[in-house]
C-alpha atoms as a PDB file:
ATOM      1  CA  UNK A   1      93.763 -17.144 254.836  1.00  0.00           C
ATOM      2  CA  UNK A   2      94.354 -20.134 252.558  1.00  0.00           C
ATOM      3  CA  UNK A   3      91.137 -19.330 250.697  1.00  0.00           C
ATOM      4  CA  UNK A   4      92.258 -15.723 250.187  1.00  0.00           C
ATOM      5  CA  UNK A   5      95.679 -16.820 248.896  1.00  0.00           C
ATOM      6  CA  UNK A   6      94.061 -19.312 246.549  1.00  0.00           C
ATOM      7  CA  UNK A   7      91.723 -16.598 245.261  1.00  0.00           C
ATOM      8  CA  UNK A   8      94.600 -14.176 244.664  1.00  0.00           C
ATOM      9  CA  UNK A   9      96.622 -16.836 242.832  1.00  0.00           C
ATOM     10  CA  UNK A  10      93.625 -17.695 240.682  1.00  0.00           C
ATOM     11  CA  UNK A  11      93.060 -14.029 239.833  1.00  0.00           C
ATOM     12  CA  UNK A  12      96.703 -13.523 238.865  1.00  0.00           C
ATOM     13  CA  UNK A  13      96.595 -16.582 236.651  1.00  0.00           C
ATOM     14  CA  UNK A  14      93.481 -15.357 234.842  1.00  0.00           C
ATOM     15  CA  UNK A  15      95.116 -11.967 234.257  1.00  0.00           C
ATOM     16  CA  UNK A  16      98.439 -13.188 232.846  1.00  0.00           C
ATOM     17  CA  UNK A  17      97.901 -16.699 231.482  1.00  0.00           C
ATOM     18  CA  UNK A  18      96.674 -16.787 227.888  1.00  0.00           C
ATOM     19  CA  UNK A  19      93.269 -18.399 227.444  1.00  0.00           C
ATOM     20  CA  UNK A  20      93.530 -21.779 225.776  1.00  0.00           C
ATOM     21  CA  UNK A  21      93.438 -21.440 222.013  1.00  0.00           C
ATOM     22  CA  UNK A  22      92.471 -24.310 219.784  1.00  0.00           C
ATOM     23  CA  UNK A  23      92.091 -24.977 216.123  1.00  0.00           C
ATOM     24  CA  UNK A  24      88.791 -23.627 214.935  1.00  0.00           C
ATOM     25  CA  UNK A  25      85.867 -26.020 214.735  1.00  0.00           C
ATOM     26  CA  UNK A  26      83.542 -23.405 213.250  1.00  0.00           C
ATOM     27  CA  UNK A  27      81.257 -24.227 210.362  1.00  0.00           C
ATOM     28  CA  UNK A  28      83.027 -22.562 207.454  1.00  0.00           C
ATOM     29  CA  UNK A  29      79.899 -22.676 205.313  1.00  0.00           C
ATOM     30  CA  UNK A  30      78.707 -19.693 207.362  1.00  0.00           C
ATOM     31  CA  UNK A  31      80.686 -16.439 207.605  1.00  0.00           C
ATOM     32  CA  UNK A  32      82.976 -16.327 210.657  1.00  0.00           C
ATOM     33  CA  UNK A  33      82.869 -13.539 213.191  1.00  0.00           C
ATOM     34  CA  UNK A  34      85.677 -11.179 212.190  1.00  0.00           C
ATOM     35  CA  UNK A  35      87.394  -8.516 214.262  1.00  0.00           C
ATOM     36  CA  UNK A  36      89.521  -7.288 211.368  1.00  0.00           C
ATOM     37  CA  UNK A  37      88.836  -5.992 207.868  1.00  0.00           C
ATOM     38  CA  UNK A  38      91.384  -8.515 206.582  1.00  0.00           C
ATOM     39  CA  UNK A  39      89.957 -11.983 205.903  1.00  0.00           C
ATOM     40  CA  UNK A  40      91.312 -14.954 207.806  1.00  0.00           C
ATOM     41  CA  UNK A  41      92.485 -17.810 205.635  1.00  0.00           C
ATOM     42  CA  UNK A  42      91.962 -21.481 206.493  1.00  0.00           C
ATOM     43  CA  UNK A  43      94.648 -24.072 205.750  1.00  0.00           C
ATOM     44  CA  UNK A  44      93.294 -27.121 203.953  1.00  0.00           C
ATOM     45  CA  UNK A  45      94.340 -30.632 204.870  1.00  0.00           C
ATOM     46  CA  UNK A  46      96.100 -31.160 201.523  1.00  0.00           C
ATOM     47  CA  UNK A  47      99.500 -29.992 202.888  1.00  0.00           C
ATOM     48  CA  UNK A  48     101.831 -32.709 204.062  1.00  0.00           C
ATOM     49  CA  UNK A  49     102.778 -33.023 207.742  1.00  0.00           C
ATOM     50  CA  UNK A  50     106.387 -32.222 206.919  1.00  0.00           C
ATOM     51  CA  UNK A  51     105.486 -28.918 205.272  1.00  0.00           C
ATOM     52  CA  UNK A  52     103.149 -28.113 208.143  1.00  0.00           C
ATOM     53  CA  UNK A  53     105.890 -28.611 210.717  1.00  0.00           C
ATOM     54  CA  UNK A  54     108.275 -26.381 208.768  1.00  0.00           C
ATOM     55  CA  UNK A  55     105.631 -23.695 208.443  1.00  0.00           C
ATOM     56  CA  UNK A  56     104.906 -23.720 212.159  1.00  0.00           C
ATOM     57  CA  UNK A  57     108.607 -23.522 213.005  1.00  0.00           C
ATOM     58  CA  UNK A  58     108.985 -20.458 210.788  1.00  0.00           C
ATOM     59  CA  UNK A  59     105.817 -18.907 212.144  1.00  0.00           C
ATOM     60  CA  UNK A  60     104.121 -18.984 208.725  1.00  0.00           C
ATOM     61  CA  UNK A  61     101.437 -21.491 209.675  1.00  0.00           C
ATOM     62  CA  UNK A  62      98.025 -20.158 208.636  1.00  0.00           C
ATOM     63  CA  UNK A  63      96.021 -22.378 210.962  1.00  0.00           C
ATOM     64  CA  UNK A  64      92.908 -20.576 212.170  1.00  0.00           C
ATOM     65  CA  UNK A  65      92.597 -20.626 215.969  1.00  0.00           C
ATOM     66  CA  UNK A  66      89.400 -20.039 217.877  1.00  0.00           C
ATOM     67  CA  UNK A  67      89.895 -17.289 220.444  1.00  0.00           C
ATOM     68  CA  UNK A  68      87.596 -15.915 223.114  1.00  0.00           C
ATOM     69  CA  UNK A  69      86.223 -13.220 220.801  1.00  0.00           C
ATOM     70  CA  UNK A  70      86.536 -14.960 217.450  1.00  0.00           C
ATOM     71  CA  UNK A  71      88.920 -16.729 215.066  1.00  0.00           C
ATOM     72  CA  UNK A  72      92.452 -15.494 214.439  1.00  0.00           C
ATOM     73  CA  UNK A  73      95.604 -16.608 212.678  1.00  0.00           C
ATOM     74  CA  UNK A  74      99.317 -15.810 212.829  1.00  0.00           C
ATOM     75  CA  UNK A  75     100.244 -13.079 210.350  1.00  0.00           C
ATOM     76  CA  UNK A  76     103.667 -11.979 209.105  1.00  0.00           C
ATOM     77  CA  UNK A  77     103.683  -8.906 211.355  1.00  0.00           C
ATOM     78  CA  UNK A  78     102.996 -11.150 214.359  1.00  0.00           C
ATOM     79  CA  UNK A  79     106.041 -13.251 213.496  1.00  0.00           C
ATOM     80  CA  UNK A  80     108.235 -10.157 213.218  1.00  0.00           C
ATOM     81  CA  UNK A  81     107.062  -8.843 216.583  1.00  0.00           C
ATOM     82  CA  UNK A  82     107.676 -12.151 218.339  1.00  0.00           C
ATOM     83  CA  UNK A  83     111.148 -12.517 216.816  1.00  0.00           C
ATOM     84  CA  UNK A  84     112.033  -8.966 217.911  1.00  0.00           C
ATOM     85  CA  UNK A  85     110.609  -9.654 221.388  1.00  0.00           C
ATOM     86  CA  UNK A  86     112.737 -12.760 221.759  1.00  0.00           C
ATOM     87  CA  UNK A  87     115.778 -11.026 220.259  1.00  0.00           C
ATOM     88  CA  UNK A  88     115.452  -8.318 222.902  1.00  0.00           C
ATOM     89  CA  UNK A  89     115.538 -10.976 225.613  1.00  0.00           C
ATOM     90  CA  UNK A  90     118.600 -12.594 224.047  1.00  0.00           C
ATOM     91  CA  UNK A  91     120.311  -9.194 223.895  1.00  0.00           C
ATOM     92  CA  UNK A  92     119.536  -8.529 227.556  1.00  0.00           C
ATOM     93  CA  UNK A  93     120.716 -11.997 228.613  1.00  0.00           C
ATOM     94  CA  UNK A  94     123.900 -11.863 226.531  1.00  0.00           C
ATOM     95  CA  UNK A  95     124.799  -8.420 227.858  1.00  0.00           C
ATOM     96  CA  UNK A  96     124.190  -9.433 231.451  1.00  0.00           C
ATOM     97  CA  UNK A  97     126.195 -12.647 231.181  1.00  0.00           C
ATOM     98  CA  UNK A  98     129.045 -10.863 229.407  1.00  0.00           C
ATOM     99  CA  UNK A  99     129.220  -8.148 232.044  1.00  0.00           C
ATOM    100  CA  UNK A 100     128.879 -10.561 234.970  1.00  0.00           C
ATOM    101  CA  UNK A 101     131.648 -12.769 233.573  1.00  0.00           C
ATOM    102  CA  UNK A 102     134.197 -10.202 234.728  1.00  0.00           C
ATOM    103  CA  UNK A 103     133.395 -11.136 238.330  1.00  0.00           C
ATOM    104  CA  UNK A 104     134.614 -14.682 237.750  1.00  0.00           C
ATOM    105  CA  UNK A 105     137.803 -13.768 235.890  1.00  0.00           C
ATOM    106  CA  UNK A 106     141.020 -13.191 237.861  1.00  0.00           C
ATOM    107  CA  UNK A 107     142.575  -9.757 238.261  1.00  0.00           C
ATOM    108  CA  UNK A 108     144.957  -8.964 235.443  1.00  0.00           C
ATOM    109  CA  UNK A 109     143.147 -11.167 232.958  1.00  0.00           C
ATOM    110  CA  UNK A 110     143.105  -9.267 229.622  1.00  0.00           C
ATOM    111  CA  UNK A 111     139.512 -10.244 228.853  1.00  0.00           C
ATOM    112  CA  UNK A 112     138.378  -9.161 232.309  1.00  0.00           C
ATOM    113  CA  UNK A 113     140.057  -5.771 231.865  1.00  0.00           C
ATOM    114  CA  UNK A 114     138.338  -5.251 228.510  1.00  0.00           C
ATOM    115  CA  UNK A 115     134.928  -6.154 229.933  1.00  0.00           C
ATOM    116  CA  UNK A 116     135.354  -3.967 233.021  1.00  0.00           C
ATOM    117  CA  UNK A 117     136.203  -0.959 230.881  1.00  0.00           C
ATOM    118  CA  UNK A 118     133.045  -1.492 228.811  1.00  0.00           C
ATOM    119  CA  UNK A 119     130.562  -2.326 231.578  1.00  0.00           C
ATOM    120  CA  UNK A 120     128.488   0.818 231.086  1.00  0.00           C
ATOM    121  CA  UNK A 121     128.141   0.195 227.346  1.00  0.00           C
ATOM    122  CA  UNK A 122     127.189  -3.426 228.037  1.00  0.00           C
ATOM    123  CA  UNK A 123     124.579  -2.195 230.533  1.00  0.00           C
ATOM    124  CA  UNK A 124     123.132   0.233 227.970  1.00  0.00           C
ATOM    125  CA  UNK A 125     122.849  -2.502 225.329  1.00  0.00           C
ATOM    126  CA  UNK A 126     121.208  -4.907 227.781  1.00  0.00           C
ATOM    127  CA  UNK A 127     118.759  -2.292 229.049  1.00  0.00           C
ATOM    128  CA  UNK A 128     117.911  -1.436 225.449  1.00  0.00           C
ATOM    129  CA  UNK A 129     117.167  -5.079 224.645  1.00  0.00           C
ATOM    130  CA  UNK A 130     114.923  -5.330 227.695  1.00  0.00           C
ATOM    131  CA  UNK A 131     113.140  -2.128 226.681  1.00  0.00           C
ATOM    132  CA  UNK A 132     112.443  -3.537 223.217  1.00  0.00           C
ATOM    133  CA  UNK A 133     110.943  -6.687 224.727  1.00  0.00           C
ATOM    134  CA  UNK A 134     108.772  -4.644 227.085  1.00  0.00           C
ATOM    135  CA  UNK A 135     107.391  -2.673 224.145  1.00  0.00           C
ATOM    136  CA  UNK A 136     106.477  -5.851 222.253  1.00  0.00           C
ATOM    137  CA  UNK A 137     105.394  -8.106 225.130  1.00  0.00           C
ATOM    138  CA  UNK A 138     101.807  -9.375 224.936  1.00  0.00           C
ATOM    139  CA  UNK A 139      99.906  -8.940 228.207  1.00  0.00           C
ATOM    140  CA  UNK A 140      96.114  -8.824 228.151  1.00  0.00           C
ATOM    141  CA  UNK A 141      95.785  -6.194 230.882  1.00  0.00           C
ATOM    142  CA  UNK A 142      97.289  -3.037 229.394  1.00  0.00           C
ATOM    143  CA  UNK A 143      97.812  -1.459 232.824  1.00  0.00           C
ATOM    144  CA  UNK A 144     100.264  -4.214 233.803  1.00  0.00           C
ATOM    145  CA  UNK A 145     102.223  -3.793 230.575  1.00  0.00           C
ATOM    146  CA  UNK A 146     102.367  -0.016 231.063  1.00  0.00           C
ATOM    147  CA  UNK A 147     103.500  -0.496 234.661  1.00  0.00           C
ATOM    148  CA  UNK A 148     106.453  -2.656 233.586  1.00  0.00           C
ATOM    149  CA  UNK A 149     107.328  -0.128 230.896  1.00  0.00           C
ATOM    150  CA  UNK A 150     107.112   2.700 233.440  1.00  0.00           C
ATOM    151  CA  UNK A 151     109.499   0.831 235.740  1.00  0.00           C
ATOM    152  CA  UNK A 152     111.965   0.499 232.863  1.00  0.00           C
ATOM    153  CA  UNK A 153     111.724   4.216 232.010  1.00  0.00           C
ATOM    154  CA  UNK A 154     112.136   5.141 235.679  1.00  0.00           C
ATOM    155  CA  UNK A 155     115.206   2.915 235.913  1.00  0.00           C
ATOM    156  CA  UNK A 156     116.737   4.409 232.767  1.00  0.00           C
ATOM    157  CA  UNK A 157     116.197   7.940 234.081  1.00  0.00           C
ATOM    158  CA  UNK A 158     117.639   6.883 237.434  1.00  0.00           C
ATOM    159  CA  UNK A 159     120.644   5.321 235.706  1.00  0.00           C
ATOM    160  CA  UNK A 160     121.364   8.535 233.816  1.00  0.00           C
ATOM    161  CA  UNK A 161     120.991  10.563 236.986  1.00  0.00           C
ATOM    162  CA  UNK A 162     123.216   8.224 238.991  1.00  0.00           C
ATOM    163  CA  UNK A 163     125.918   8.346 236.325  1.00  0.00           C
ATOM    164  CA  UNK A 164     126.123  12.117 236.016  1.00  0.00           C
ATOM    165  CA  UNK A 165     125.248  13.129 239.586  1.00  0.00           C
ATOM    166  CA  UNK A 166     127.080  10.434 241.538  1.00  0.00           C
ATOM    167  CA  UNK A 167     129.426   8.177 239.576  1.00  0.00           C
ATOM    168  CA  UNK A 168     131.140  10.976 237.668  1.00  0.00           C
ATOM    169  CA  UNK A 169     131.939  12.816 240.891  1.00  0.00           C
ATOM    170  CA  UNK A 170     133.982   9.812 241.987  1.00  0.00           C
ATOM    171  CA  UNK A 171     135.439   9.242 238.509  1.00  0.00           C
ATOM    172  CA  UNK A 172     133.664   5.879 238.291  1.00  0.00           C
ATOM    173  CA  UNK A 173     131.431   4.199 235.756  1.00  0.00           C
ATOM    174  CA  UNK A 174     127.767   3.596 236.551  1.00  0.00           C
ATOM    175  CA  UNK A 175     128.076  -0.160 237.061  1.00  0.00           C
ATOM    176  CA  UNK A 176     131.239   0.251 239.113  1.00  0.00           C
ATOM    177  CA  UNK A 177     129.496   2.844 241.274  1.00  0.00           C
ATOM    178  CA  UNK A 178     126.484   0.611 241.959  1.00  0.00           C
ATOM    179  CA  UNK A 179     128.755  -2.313 242.837  1.00  0.00           C
ATOM    180  CA  UNK A 180     130.794  -0.230 245.285  1.00  0.00           C
ATOM    181  CA  UNK A 181     127.896   1.854 246.586  1.00  0.00           C
ATOM    182  CA  UNK A 182     124.734  -0.282 246.984  1.00  0.00           C
ATOM    183  CA  UNK A 183     122.618   2.843 247.540  1.00  0.00           C
ATOM    184  CA  UNK A 184     122.830   3.343 243.779  1.00  0.00           C
ATOM    185  CA  UNK A 185     120.370   0.468 243.397  1.00  0.00           C
ATOM    186  CA  UNK A 186     117.584   2.819 244.433  1.00  0.00           C
ATOM    187  CA  UNK A 187     118.116   4.589 241.109  1.00  0.00           C
ATOM    188  CA  UNK A 188     118.875   1.719 238.713  1.00  0.00           C
ATOM    189  CA  UNK A 189     116.759  -0.896 240.494  1.00  0.00           C
ATOM    190  CA  UNK A 190     113.506  -0.245 238.579  1.00  0.00           C
ATOM    191  CA  UNK A 191     115.146  -1.647 235.422  1.00  0.00           C
ATOM    192  CA  UNK A 192     115.675  -4.949 237.225  1.00  0.00           C
ATOM    193  CA  UNK A 193     112.188  -4.759 238.733  1.00  0.00           C
ATOM    194  CA  UNK A 194     110.828  -4.590 235.174  1.00  0.00           C
ATOM    195  CA  UNK A 195     112.973  -7.595 234.244  1.00  0.00           C
ATOM    196  CA  UNK A 196     111.616  -9.486 237.250  1.00  0.00           C
ATOM    197  CA  UNK A 197     108.062  -8.714 236.165  1.00  0.00           C
ATOM    198  CA  UNK A 198     108.786 -10.008 232.677  1.00  0.00           C
ATOM    199  CA  UNK A 199     110.270 -13.311 233.832  1.00  0.00           C
ATOM    200  CA  UNK A 200     107.418 -13.707 236.335  1.00  0.00           C
ATOM    201  CA  UNK A 201     104.941 -13.364 233.471  1.00  0.00           C
ATOM    202  CA  UNK A 202     106.856 -15.931 231.420  1.00  0.00           C
ATOM    203  CA  UNK A 203     107.034 -18.361 234.323  1.00  0.00           C
ATOM    204  CA  UNK A 204     103.348 -18.018 235.144  1.00  0.00           C
ATOM    205  CA  UNK A 205     102.135 -18.246 231.553  1.00  0.00           C
ATOM    206  CA  UNK A 206     104.312 -21.122 230.365  1.00  0.00           C
ATOM    207  CA  UNK A 207     105.292 -22.913 233.566  1.00  0.00           C
ATOM    208  CA  UNK A 208     109.023 -22.386 233.003  1.00  0.00           C
ATOM    209  CA  UNK A 209     111.050 -23.448 236.021  1.00  0.00           C
ATOM    210  CA  UNK A 210     114.028 -21.222 235.207  1.00  0.00           C
ATOM    211  CA  UNK A 211     111.756 -18.173 234.980  1.00  0.00           C
ATOM    212  CA  UNK A 212     110.139 -19.021 238.298  1.00  0.00           C
ATOM    213  CA  UNK A 213     113.518 -19.316 240.021  1.00  0.00           C
ATOM    214  CA  UNK A 214     114.740 -16.069 238.447  1.00  0.00           C
ATOM    215  CA  UNK A 215     111.704 -14.319 239.918  1.00  0.00           C
ATOM    216  CA  UNK A 216     113.254 -14.913 243.346  1.00  0.00           C
ATOM    217  CA  UNK A 217     116.964 -14.825 242.461  1.00  0.00           C
ATOM    218  CA  UNK A 218     116.928 -11.340 240.896  1.00  0.00           C
ATOM    219  CA  UNK A 219     115.277  -9.406 243.747  1.00  0.00           C
ATOM    220  CA  UNK A 220     116.966 -11.615 246.342  1.00  0.00           C
ATOM    221  CA  UNK A 221     120.465 -10.791 245.120  1.00  0.00           C
ATOM    222  CA  UNK A 222     119.737  -7.090 244.634  1.00  0.00           C
ATOM    223  CA  UNK A 223     118.108  -6.715 248.047  1.00  0.00           C
ATOM    224  CA  UNK A 224     120.978  -8.604 249.635  1.00  0.00           C
ATOM    225  CA  UNK A 225     123.438  -6.191 248.026  1.00  0.00           C
ATOM    226  CA  UNK A 226     121.355  -3.135 248.928  1.00  0.00           C
ATOM    227  CA  UNK A 227     120.893  -4.099 252.567  1.00  0.00           C
ATOM    228  CA  UNK A 228     124.476  -5.238 253.093  1.00  0.00           C
ATOM    229  CA  UNK A 229     123.214  -8.405 254.777  1.00  0.00           C
ATOM    230  CA  UNK A 230     124.625 -10.742 252.124  1.00  0.00           C
ATOM    231  CA  UNK A 231     128.317 -11.664 252.054  1.00  0.00           C
ATOM    232  CA  UNK A 232     130.321 -11.534 248.829  1.00  0.00           C
ATOM    233  CA  UNK A 233     130.525 -15.323 248.501  1.00  0.00           C
ATOM    234  CA  UNK A 234     126.756 -15.684 248.567  1.00  0.00           C
ATOM    235  CA  UNK A 235     126.328 -12.831 246.114  1.00  0.00           C
ATOM    236  CA  UNK A 236     128.790 -14.367 243.663  1.00  0.00           C
ATOM    237  CA  UNK A 237     127.038 -17.741 243.929  1.00  0.00           C
ATOM    238  CA  UNK A 238     123.630 -16.206 243.261  1.00  0.00           C
ATOM    239  CA  UNK A 239     125.105 -14.203 240.398  1.00  0.00           C
ATOM    240  CA  UNK A 240     126.349 -17.427 238.815  1.00  0.00           C
ATOM    241  CA  UNK A 241     122.908 -19.016 239.159  1.00  0.00           C
ATOM    242  CA  UNK A 242     121.332 -15.894 237.641  1.00  0.00           C
ATOM    243  CA  UNK A 243     123.711 -16.075 234.663  1.00  0.00           C
ATOM    244  CA  UNK A 244     123.023 -19.750 233.988  1.00  0.00           C
ATOM    245  CA  UNK A 245     119.244 -19.466 234.315  1.00  0.00           C
ATOM    246  CA  UNK A 246     119.125 -16.311 232.192  1.00  0.00           C
ATOM    247  CA  UNK A 247     120.909 -18.136 229.361  1.00  0.00           C
ATOM    248  CA  UNK A 248     118.500 -21.078 229.604  1.00  0.00           C
ATOM    249  CA  UNK A 249     115.522 -18.724 229.777  1.00  0.00           C
ATOM    250  CA  UNK A 250     116.514 -16.767 226.657  1.00  0.00           C
ATOM    251  CA  UNK A 251     117.509 -19.853 224.656  1.00  0.00           C
ATOM    252  CA  UNK A 252     114.282 -21.710 225.391  1.00  0.00           C
ATOM    253  CA  UNK A 253     112.194 -18.839 224.055  1.00  0.00           C
ATOM    254  CA  UNK A 254     113.160 -19.877 220.528  1.00  0.00           C
ATOM    255  CA  UNK A 255     111.882 -23.412 221.144  1.00  0.00           C
ATOM    256  CA  UNK A 256     108.327 -22.160 221.633  1.00  0.00           C
ATOM    257  CA  UNK A 257     105.809 -21.886 218.803  1.00  0.00           C
ATOM    258  CA  UNK A 258     105.329 -18.318 217.608  1.00  0.00           C
ATOM    259  CA  UNK A 259     101.674 -18.371 218.649  1.00  0.00           C
ATOM    260  CA  UNK A 260     102.619 -18.870 222.304  1.00  0.00           C
ATOM    261  CA  UNK A 261     104.048 -15.359 222.565  1.00  0.00           C
ATOM    262  CA  UNK A 262     101.045 -13.940 220.731  1.00  0.00           C
ATOM    263  CA  UNK A 263      98.525 -15.380 223.153  1.00  0.00           C
ATOM    264  CA  UNK A 264      94.860 -15.110 222.217  1.00  0.00           C
ATOM    265  CA  UNK A 265      95.088 -12.498 219.476  1.00  0.00           C
ATOM    266  CA  UNK A 266      91.321 -12.009 219.464  1.00  0.00           C
ATOM    267  CA  UNK A 267      91.577 -10.396 222.919  1.00  0.00           C
ATOM    268  CA  UNK A 268      93.991  -7.727 221.680  1.00  0.00           C
ATOM    269  CA  UNK A 269      91.887  -7.157 218.562  1.00  0.00           C
ATOM    270  CA  UNK A 270      88.810  -6.811 220.755  1.00  0.00           C
ATOM    271  CA  UNK A 271      90.502  -4.369 223.129  1.00  0.00           C
ATOM    272  CA  UNK A 272      91.514  -2.195 220.172  1.00  0.00           C
ATOM    273  CA  UNK A 273      87.887  -1.754 219.069  1.00  0.00           C
ATOM    274  CA  UNK A 274      85.828   1.329 220.001  1.00  0.00           C
ATOM    275  CA  UNK A 275      83.394   0.760 222.863  1.00  0.00           C
ATOM    276  CA  UNK A 276      80.346   0.674 220.602  1.00  0.00           C
ATOM    277  CA  UNK A 277      81.913  -1.978 218.371  1.00  0.00           C
ATOM    278  CA  UNK A 278      82.875  -3.996 221.453  1.00  0.00           C
ATOM    279  CA  UNK A 279      79.265  -4.020 222.627  1.00  0.00           C
ATOM    280  CA  UNK A 280      77.992  -4.910 219.172  1.00  0.00           C
ATOM    281  CA  UNK A 281      80.457  -7.789 218.864  1.00  0.00           C
ATOM    282  CA  UNK A 282      79.588  -9.128 222.322  1.00  0.00           C
ATOM    283  CA  UNK A 283      75.895  -9.042 221.478  1.00  0.00           C
ATOM    284  CA  UNK A 284      76.584 -10.895 218.231  1.00  0.00           C
ATOM    285  CA  UNK A 285      78.651 -13.535 220.021  1.00  0.00           C
ATOM    286  CA  UNK A 286      76.042 -13.786 222.764  1.00  0.00           C
ATOM    287  CA  UNK A 287      73.287 -14.520 220.258  1.00  0.00           C
ATOM    288  CA  UNK A 288      75.463 -17.041 218.427  1.00  0.00           C
ATOM    289  CA  UNK A 289      76.389 -18.905 221.611  1.00  0.00           C
ATOM    290  CA  UNK A 290      73.015 -18.718 223.289  1.00  0.00           C
ATOM    291  CA  UNK A 291      73.882 -16.288 226.070  1.00  0.00           C
ATOM    292  CA  UNK A 292      77.164 -17.913 227.110  1.00  0.00           C
ATOM    293  CA  UNK A 293      79.157 -14.720 226.575  1.00  0.00           C
ATOM    294  CA  UNK A 294      77.050 -12.606 228.910  1.00  0.00           C
ATOM    295  CA  UNK A 295      77.449 -15.236 231.615  1.00  0.00           C
ATOM    296  CA  UNK A 296      81.200 -15.844 231.221  1.00  0.00           C
ATOM    297  CA  UNK A 297      82.914 -12.717 229.868  1.00  0.00           C
ATOM    298  CA  UNK A 298      83.295  -9.490 231.774  1.00  0.00           C
ATOM    299  CA  UNK A 299      85.232  -7.173 229.533  1.00  0.00           C
END
């Protein structure tokens, strides 16, 4: 059983964890293998370290990295996508924390009343931010990315259905209905399942402790609420932990280099090629590396 578990863990890591990228050590006197019609530029060593650090922080570093299928570099469109991806996470985290704050404010507090009257709008904004991040997230296996997106869509449809078919009948908002009637989680839950999948990916890829803990906190709290087996005190405590970790998780995203959220760009470029071009490229790489590709890569 231990061997099976180890094998499953290893497989999951290979699927989600970006292959190690490194600065290219190719001989630039010979033409590099290119997956794109746009040439890749190579930064010369004449730039100062200070300028290089600033460029990397802004995502404008033109260092050429050696990926599994060839060299790649960070382009302006990559920077925009990563910034939007991280902004979506910040939007989701901010919305969740703002909405959850009402639980910790006393009855009659003016701020609490304002938040409670806007919970559905806050939920919509947060779900929208999560949806944006799920569109832009980089996962090598397209089926996993589509599955997370499908969960989000299913949760959005369920949320709309729960609001009009259930909450409105009781003259309640969607969030208020789900809080008072845990069965509503069956309809809105897929949104949070998609969020759990995203933080699991982040925790596995980058070894982030807060993401790893959130992977258990989110479903644990929701299942406790759905089953009715968790008392209110425990739920409030877990909600507070969720809020704190979500803030840390979103904030730390902006401390990572842009290239981290891109992963090995050569993999995505390779996957976008027609099948014939994939085979031709693999044969070219195989000849260049003396058969190593055919032994190591199963595309």
